[in-house]
Amino acid sequence: MELFECFLREEFCMFGRINQVQMLVYKYRGGSNDDFKRDLGSIERNYFWSSSIDQLNDPWETIIKSEKFIKQSKSISWLLGKNLDQKLHNVHEALENFLSLNKRIGIYSLSKNYLDELLWAHYANSHKGFCIEYDLDTLIQTFKTEKVFSFPVIYNKLPPEISIADINNRKNNLIHKLSGFKSKRWEYEEEHRIITDYSGKQCYNYQALKSIYFGLRMPEAHKLEMFSTLYGRDIKFYQIEHLTKSYKFKAVRVLNPFGENVDYLKIIPASITHSKNISFEITEQNFYKINSKGVISIMLESIIHKPEIEWLANKIYDEIFHTAEKVFIFYYFKEQKDKGIAWATSHFSDGKCEISINDFIL
């Protein structure tokens, strides 16, 4: 029994050990004023919302059949030895506990298609919204310290059925069957899912977001606000347009009217230094959900003063680790002799920032 329970725990823990095939995936966003403000804010602060099962629009999510497993487990009951009834009860209870993960996990639903007319109609408020393009591999790598799983949805006429064979392999069949199957009526969505071990805000590496596609009817004011807010990021923008005499669409590249420079999370601007732009590079960043801790290392072009450290620390905290209870930031500069010790640190705890500068390593 303990071995079975250990397997079930391991099955979920294996989320983070899946090799992802690099690909682009898409998230359609609504176009009402409230939705737009919410969605642009989430892009600006680099997070997405992982929905709980009851927030999804398909009432048959996570339907699974376990009768075959129960029947097979009884047929090999002789392997369990004495106290058969209690052991079978424990096995079935462990399975039910595993299946109840659907009350806790979060699902981020994406598509492999950014030009589907039904997806634009259903999920982008009839083209008044927009569509986000992510690099899936970069997105998944954000969660290297957490339990996440990613897979394409399989569309069937009947719900999936688990068996003893699912228990005996190490290919995450249970997790996939629990949250990766839907009715064939949904097949047009070409859905790809990211499964997190909890629902709610999920901060991600901003470099995962590659492009944004404007719907046919997206208000010009919303486009302009998006251009302005996301200026400086390495994001490409496209306008969805009709293909002449066709029901199909095409995407046409549009330039950001505020400029195409890429300096987001790369410079401390002259307006802060009161002198010149100072470049920096994020060399390492990790978020540890289990203790709600963010850790990041930054290589500076040159030494900066305490006000600049405070500005940069707050930007990092607000746009990378705002869901963390504690954030530890370590600063190095290119010319320092001892790279093994941080020249300065800024640590957040309970929203308060403490800055320390180690002058002795200059």
Protein backbone atom coordinates (compact mmCIF):
# COMPACT_ATOMS: atom_id res chain seq x y z
CA MET A 1 0.00 0.00 0.00
CA GLU A 2 2.78 2.44 0.88
CA LEU A 3 4.43 1.73 -2.49
CA PHE A 4 1.18 2.57 -4.28
CA GLU A 5 0.77 5.84 -2.38
CA CYS A 6 4.40 6.73 -3.06
CA PHE A 7 3.81 6.15 -6.76
CA LEU A 8 0.82 8.45 -6.75
CA ARG A 9 2.84 11.18 -5.08
CA GLU A 10 5.69 10.64 -7.53
CA GLU A 11 3.29 10.70 -10.47
CA PHE A 12 2.34 14.26 -9.57
CA CYS A 13 5.92 15.26 -8.72
CA MET A 14 7.05 14.15 -12.18
CA PHE A 15 5.30 17.22 -13.62
CA GLY A 16 8.57 19.11 -13.68
CA ARG A 17 10.57 16.33 -15.33
CA ILE A 18 8.90 16.30 -18.73
CA ASN A 19 10.98 17.20 -21.76
CA GLN A 20 9.10 19.86 -23.67
CA VAL A 21 9.17 20.11 -27.44
CA GLN A 22 9.79 23.73 -28.37
CA MET A 23 6.69 25.22 -29.94
CA LEU A 24 4.52 28.32 -30.00
CA VAL A 25 1.18 28.39 -28.18
CA TYR A 26 -1.56 31.01 -28.01
CA LYS A 27 -3.94 32.53 -25.48
CA TYR A 28 -7.02 34.44 -26.68
CA ARG A 29 -8.12 37.38 -24.53
CA GLY A 30 -11.48 39.20 -24.30
CA GLY A 31 -11.99 42.77 -25.44
CA SER A 32 -14.30 44.48 -22.94
CA ASN A 33 -12.80 47.44 -21.10
CA ASP A 34 -12.59 45.53 -17.82
CA ASP A 35 -11.10 42.44 -19.44
CA PHE A 36 -8.58 44.48 -21.37
CA LYS A 37 -7.41 46.33 -18.26
CA ARG A 38 -7.05 43.05 -16.36
CA ASP A 39 -5.25 41.24 -19.18
CA LEU A 40 -2.86 44.08 -20.01
CA GLY A 41 -2.05 44.36 -16.31
CA SER A 42 -1.17 40.68 -16.15
CA ILE A 43 1.16 41.03 -19.14
CA GLU A 44 2.78 44.12 -17.63
CA ARG A 45 3.46 42.24 -14.39
CA ASN A 46 4.37 38.96 -16.10
CA TYR A 47 1.81 36.51 -14.77
CA PHE A 48 -1.07 34.40 -16.02
CA TRP A 49 -4.07 33.02 -14.19
CA SER A 50 -4.24 29.25 -13.80
CA SER A 51 -7.94 28.40 -13.51
CA SER A 52 -9.46 25.91 -11.13
CA ILE A 53 -11.59 23.17 -12.65
CA ASP A 54 -14.89 24.81 -11.74
CA GLN A 55 -13.84 28.02 -13.56
CA LEU A 56 -13.55 26.26 -16.94
CA ASN A 57 -16.38 26.40 -19.48
CA ASP A 58 -16.66 22.62 -20.01
CA PRO A 59 -18.74 21.01 -17.21
CA TRP A 60 -17.24 17.58 -18.06
CA GLU A 61 -13.67 18.52 -17.19
CA THR A 62 -11.66 15.76 -15.44
CA ILE A 63 -14.33 13.10 -16.00
CA ILE A 64 -12.57 9.75 -15.70
CA LYS A 65 -13.67 6.11 -15.43
CA SER A 66 -12.03 3.97 -12.76
CA GLU A 67 -14.25 0.85 -12.85
CA LYS A 68 -11.72 -1.09 -14.92
CA PHE A 69 -8.92 -0.35 -12.45
CA ILE A 70 -11.05 -1.47 -9.50
CA LYS A 71 -12.02 -4.70 -11.29
CA GLN A 72 -8.40 -5.45 -12.23
CA SER A 73 -7.13 -4.71 -8.74
CA LYS A 74 -9.57 -7.25 -7.33
CA SER A 75 -8.47 -9.86 -9.87
CA ILE A 76 -4.87 -9.66 -8.62
CA SER A 77 -5.84 -9.38 -4.97
CA TRP A 78 -3.91 -12.55 -4.14
CA LEU A 79 -0.74 -10.48 -4.41
CA LEU A 80 -1.82 -8.40 -1.43
CA GLY A 81 -1.72 -11.32 1.02
CA LYS A 82 -3.55 -11.09 4.34
CA ASN A 83 -6.11 -8.44 5.33
CA LEU A 84 -7.32 -8.35 1.74
CA ASP A 85 -10.43 -6.21 2.26
CA GLN A 86 -8.57 -3.50 4.15
CA LYS A 87 -5.72 -3.41 1.64
CA LEU A 88 -8.10 -3.15 -1.31
CA HIS A 89 -9.94 -0.37 0.47
CA ASN A 90 -6.65 1.47 1.05
CA VAL A 91 -5.61 1.07 -2.60
CA HIS A 92 -8.95 2.39 -3.87
CA GLU A 93 -8.90 5.22 -1.33
CA ALA A 94 -5.40 6.24 -2.44
CA LEU A 95 -6.60 6.30 -6.03
CA GLU A 96 -9.62 8.42 -5.16
CA ASN A 97 -7.37 10.84 -3.26
CA PHE A 98 -5.20 11.13 -6.35
CA LEU A 99 -8.19 11.74 -8.59
CA SER A 100 -9.38 14.45 -6.19
CA LEU A 101 -6.36 16.53 -7.25
CA ASN A 102 -8.77 18.21 -9.65
CA LYS A 103 -10.03 20.27 -6.71
CA ARG A 104 -6.57 21.75 -6.22
CA ILE A 105 -4.74 21.90 -9.54
CA GLY A 106 -4.77 24.86 -11.91
CA ILE A 107 -5.17 24.71 -15.68
CA TYR A 108 -3.89 27.26 -18.19
CA SER A 109 -5.60 26.54 -21.49
CA LEU A 110 -3.78 27.50 -24.67
CA SER A 111 -4.20 26.76 -28.37
CA LYS A 112 -1.82 25.81 -31.16
CA ASN A 113 -3.76 28.03 -33.58
CA TYR A 114 -3.92 31.84 -33.70
CA LEU A 115 -5.98 32.11 -36.90
CA ASP A 116 -9.11 30.13 -36.05
CA GLU A 117 -12.36 32.03 -36.64
CA LEU A 118 -14.25 30.22 -33.87
CA LEU A 119 -11.55 30.85 -31.27
CA TRP A 120 -11.51 34.55 -32.15
CA ALA A 121 -15.30 34.64 -31.87
CA HIS A 122 -15.61 32.63 -28.64
CA TYR A 123 -12.58 33.73 -26.63
CA ALA A 124 -11.66 37.17 -27.98
CA ASN A 125 -15.08 38.79 -27.79
CA SER A 126 -15.77 38.51 -31.52
CA HIS A 127 -12.39 40.00 -32.48
CA LYS A 128 -12.56 42.93 -30.04
CA GLY A 129 -9.78 41.32 -28.01
CA PHE A 130 -6.31 40.04 -28.80
CA CYS A 131 -4.20 36.89 -28.79
CA ILE A 132 -0.91 36.28 -26.95
CA GLU A 133 1.87 34.13 -28.41
CA TYR A 134 4.21 32.27 -26.03
CA ASP A 135 7.29 30.18 -26.56
CA LEU A 136 6.17 27.07 -24.68
CA ASP A 137 9.64 25.88 -23.75
CA THR A 138 10.58 29.22 -22.15
CA LEU A 139 7.23 29.36 -20.40
CA ILE A 140 7.64 25.89 -18.90
CA GLN A 141 11.24 26.53 -17.83
CA THR A 142 9.91 29.24 -15.53
CA PHE A 143 8.55 26.48 -13.30
CA LYS A 144 11.70 24.36 -13.03
CA THR A 145 11.48 24.48 -9.22
CA GLU A 146 7.76 23.64 -9.14
CA LYS A 147 5.40 20.85 -10.15
CA VAL A 148 4.04 21.59 -13.62
CA PHE A 149 3.00 19.43 -16.52
CA SER A 150 2.30 20.34 -20.13
CA PHE A 151 0.58 18.35 -22.87
CA PRO A 152 -1.81 18.60 -25.83
CA VAL A 153 -5.44 17.76 -25.08
CA ILE A 154 -6.72 14.47 -26.54
CA TYR A 155 -10.27 14.50 -27.92
CA ASN A 156 -12.39 11.35 -27.57
CA LYS A 157 -16.00 10.29 -27.89
CA LEU A 158 -15.89 8.75 -24.39
CA PRO A 159 -14.10 9.78 -21.15
CA PRO A 160 -10.72 8.10 -20.54
CA GLU A 161 -10.52 4.94 -18.46
CA ILE A 162 -7.66 4.13 -16.12
CA SER A 163 -6.27 0.65 -15.63
CA ILE A 164 -3.50 -1.22 -13.86
CA ALA A 165 -1.28 -0.43 -16.87
CA ASP A 166 -1.48 3.27 -16.02
CA ILE A 167 -0.18 2.54 -12.53
CA ASN A 168 2.74 0.47 -13.76
CA ASN A 169 4.27 3.03 -16.14
CA ARG A 170 6.14 6.26 -15.60
CA LYS A 171 4.68 8.29 -18.46
CA ASN A 172 2.29 10.42 -16.40
CA ASN A 173 -0.73 8.62 -17.80
CA LEU A 174 -2.80 9.30 -14.69
CA ILE A 175 -2.22 13.06 -14.77
CA HIS A 176 -2.83 13.17 -18.51
CA LYS A 177 -6.05 11.18 -18.25
CA LEU A 178 -7.23 13.27 -15.31
CA SER A 179 -6.85 16.65 -17.01
CA GLY A 180 -5.92 16.13 -20.65
CA PHE A 181 -9.01 14.62 -22.30
CA LYS A 182 -12.13 16.31 -23.67
CA SER A 183 -15.08 15.52 -25.91
CA LYS A 184 -14.40 15.52 -29.66
CA ARG A 185 -16.81 18.46 -29.95
CA TRP A 186 -13.98 20.64 -28.62
CA GLU A 187 -11.44 19.42 -31.15
CA TYR A 188 -11.39 22.67 -33.14
CA GLU A 189 -9.65 24.39 -30.20
CA GLU A 190 -6.38 22.43 -30.71
CA GLU A 191 -5.81 22.93 -27.00
CA HIS A 192 -2.50 22.63 -25.21
CA ARG A 193 -2.53 22.74 -21.42
CA ILE A 194 -0.20 23.73 -18.63
CA ILE A 195 -1.13 22.06 -15.35
CA THR A 196 0.04 23.70 -12.12
CA ASP A 197 -0.28 22.17 -8.68
CA TYR A 198 -2.43 25.09 -7.52
CA SER A 199 -4.77 27.58 -9.17
CA GLY A 200 -4.34 31.35 -9.24
CA LYS A 201 -1.54 33.72 -10.26
CA GLN A 202 1.50 32.14 -11.88
CA CYS A 203 4.48 34.44 -12.50
CA TYR A 204 6.47 33.53 -15.60
CA ASN A 205 9.65 34.54 -17.44
CA TYR A 206 8.73 37.65 -19.45
CA GLN A 207 10.89 36.41 -22.35
CA ALA A 208 8.32 33.66 -22.99
CA LEU A 209 5.89 36.21 -24.46
CA LYS A 210 6.86 36.63 -28.12
CA SER A 211 4.00 38.32 -29.99
CA ILE A 212 0.56 39.87 -29.68
CA TYR A 213 -2.14 39.68 -32.37
CA PHE A 214 -4.83 42.38 -32.52
CA GLY A 215 -8.35 41.25 -33.36
CA LEU A 216 -10.17 42.65 -36.39
CA ARG A 217 -12.39 44.83 -34.20
CA MET A 218 -9.97 45.68 -31.39
CA PRO A 219 -10.43 49.36 -30.47
CA GLU A 220 -7.64 51.65 -31.60
CA ALA A 221 -7.44 53.12 -28.10
CA HIS A 222 -6.68 49.66 -26.68
CA LYS A 223 -3.98 49.08 -29.30
CA LEU A 224 -2.35 52.41 -28.49
CA GLU A 225 -2.43 51.70 -24.76
CA MET A 226 -0.86 48.30 -25.34
CA PHE A 227 1.86 49.79 -27.54
CA SER A 228 2.64 52.37 -24.86
CA THR A 229 2.57 50.00 -21.88
CA LEU A 230 4.69 47.32 -23.52
CA TYR A 231 7.17 49.65 -25.20
CA GLY A 232 10.75 48.49 -24.72
CA ARG A 233 9.93 44.80 -24.62
CA ASP A 234 10.98 42.34 -27.29
CA ILE A 235 7.37 41.78 -28.40
CA LYS A 236 6.20 41.73 -32.01
CA PHE A 237 2.73 43.03 -32.86
CA TYR A 238 0.43 41.79 -35.62
CA GLN A 239 -2.94 42.86 -36.98
CA ILE A 240 -5.42 40.15 -37.96
CA GLU A 241 -6.94 40.86 -41.38
CA HIS A 242 -9.34 39.14 -43.76
CA LEU A 243 -8.04 37.17 -46.69
CA THR A 244 -9.87 38.49 -49.75
CA LYS A 245 -12.87 36.38 -50.83
CA SER A 246 -12.22 33.85 -48.06
CA TYR A 247 -13.32 32.93 -44.54
CA LYS A 248 -9.67 32.75 -43.53
CA PHE A 249 -7.42 35.28 -41.81
CA LYS A 250 -3.86 36.48 -42.09
CA ALA A 251 -1.57 38.27 -39.64
CA VAL A 252 0.20 41.45 -40.77
CA ARG A 253 3.16 42.83 -38.80
CA VAL A 254 2.67 46.32 -37.34
CA LEU A 255 5.39 48.42 -35.72
CA ASN A 256 5.12 49.97 -32.28
CA PRO A 257 4.64 53.74 -32.90
CA PHE A 258 6.60 54.43 -29.70
CA GLY A 259 9.67 52.70 -31.10
CA GLU A 260 11.21 49.26 -31.45
CA ASN A 261 14.02 49.56 -28.89
CA VAL A 262 14.41 46.61 -26.53
CA ASP A 263 15.50 47.71 -23.06
CA TYR A 264 12.93 46.18 -20.69
CA LEU A 265 14.66 44.91 -17.54
CA LYS A 266 17.98 45.76 -19.17
CA ILE A 267 18.70 49.35 -18.11
CA ILE A 268 18.36 51.74 -15.21
CA PRO A 269 17.24 54.87 -17.06
CA ALA A 270 19.00 58.21 -16.88
CA SER A 271 15.89 59.67 -15.25
CA ILE A 272 16.71 57.50 -12.22
CA THR A 273 20.53 57.81 -12.22
CA HIS A 274 20.38 61.57 -13.06
CA SER A 275 23.30 60.93 -15.36
CA LYS A 276 23.15 58.18 -17.99
CA ASN A 277 21.52 54.84 -18.65
CA ILE A 278 23.22 51.99 -16.79
CA SER A 279 22.74 48.54 -18.24
CA PHE A 280 22.30 45.34 -16.26
CA GLU A 281 21.69 41.68 -16.95
CA ILE A 282 19.62 39.15 -15.00
CA THR A 283 21.97 36.17 -14.80
CA GLU A 284 19.83 33.88 -12.66
CA GLN A 285 16.31 33.82 -11.31
CA ASN A 286 14.32 31.18 -9.46
CA PHE A 287 11.00 31.09 -7.65
CA TYR A 288 10.44 28.48 -4.96
CA LYS A 289 6.72 28.08 -4.42
CA ILE A 290 7.08 25.71 -1.49
CA ASN A 291 8.43 28.52 0.70
CA SER A 292 7.23 31.44 -1.45
CA LYS A 293 10.76 32.68 -2.09
CA GLY A 294 12.27 34.42 -5.10
CA VAL A 295 16.03 34.51 -5.72
CA ILE A 296 17.66 36.59 -8.46
CA SER A 297 21.21 37.61 -9.42
CA ILE A 298 21.99 40.77 -11.40
CA MET A 299 25.19 41.79 -13.18
CA LEU A 300 25.56 45.58 -13.35
CA GLU A 301 27.50 47.54 -15.94
CA SER A 302 28.99 49.62 -13.12
CA ILE A 303 28.50 50.51 -9.48
CA ILE A 304 25.24 52.28 -8.69
CA HIS A 305 24.05 54.21 -5.64
CA LYS A 306 21.50 53.21 -3.05
CA PRO A 307 18.55 55.07 -4.67
CA GLU A 308 19.20 53.20 -7.94
CA ILE A 309 19.38 49.89 -6.07
CA GLU A 310 16.08 50.70 -4.39
CA TRP A 311 14.43 51.56 -7.74
CA LEU A 312 15.70 48.37 -9.38
CA ALA A 313 14.80 46.22 -6.37
CA ASN A 314 11.22 47.48 -6.38
CA LYS A 315 10.90 46.93 -10.13
CA ILE A 316 12.16 43.36 -9.79
CA TYR A 317 9.83 42.71 -6.87
CA ASP A 318 6.78 44.22 -8.56
CA GLU A 319 7.23 42.72 -12.04
CA ILE A 320 8.93 39.39 -11.41
CA PHE A 321 8.30 38.19 -7.86
CA HIS A 322 5.21 40.04 -6.65
CA THR A 323 3.57 36.77 -5.54
CA ALA A 324 6.54 35.87 -3.31
CA GLU A 325 6.61 36.52 0.43
CA LYS A 326 10.40 36.86 0.41
CA VAL A 327 12.74 38.01 -2.37
CA PHE A 328 16.53 37.87 -2.27
CA ILE A 329 18.37 40.00 -4.87
CA PHE A 330 22.16 39.80 -5.30
CA TYR A 331 24.06 42.46 -7.25
CA TYR A 332 27.45 42.11 -8.91
CA PHE A 333 29.28 44.51 -11.20
CA LYS A 334 31.44 43.54 -14.13
CA GLU A 335 34.72 44.93 -12.84
CA GLN A 336 34.60 43.52 -9.33
CA LYS A 337 37.49 41.21 -8.60
CA ASP A 338 35.75 38.67 -6.37
CA LYS A 339 32.70 37.36 -8.24
CA GLY A 340 31.95 34.88 -5.46
CA ILE A 341 30.54 37.53 -3.13
CA ALA A 342 27.71 39.89 -4.00
CA TRP A 343 28.70 43.55 -4.05
CA ALA A 344 25.25 44.47 -2.74
CA THR A 345 21.99 42.82 -1.72
CA SER A 346 18.39 43.91 -1.39
CA HIS A 347 16.08 41.54 0.42
CA PHE A 348 12.30 41.83 0.71
CA SER A 349 10.39 40.37 3.62
CA ASP A 350 6.75 41.23 4.35
CA GLY A 351 6.94 43.87 1.62
CA LYS A 352 9.84 45.73 3.27
CA CYS A 353 13.18 46.12 1.52
CA GLU A 354 16.56 46.04 3.27
CA ILE A 355 19.61 47.09 1.24
CA SER A 356 23.20 46.19 2.11
CA ILE A 357 26.36 47.28 0.26
CA ASN A 358 29.64 45.41 0.73
CA ASP A 359 32.22 48.14 0.12
CA PHE A 360 35.09 45.89 1.24
CA ILE A 361 35.10 43.95 -2.04
CA LEU A 362 35.77 47.03 -4.22
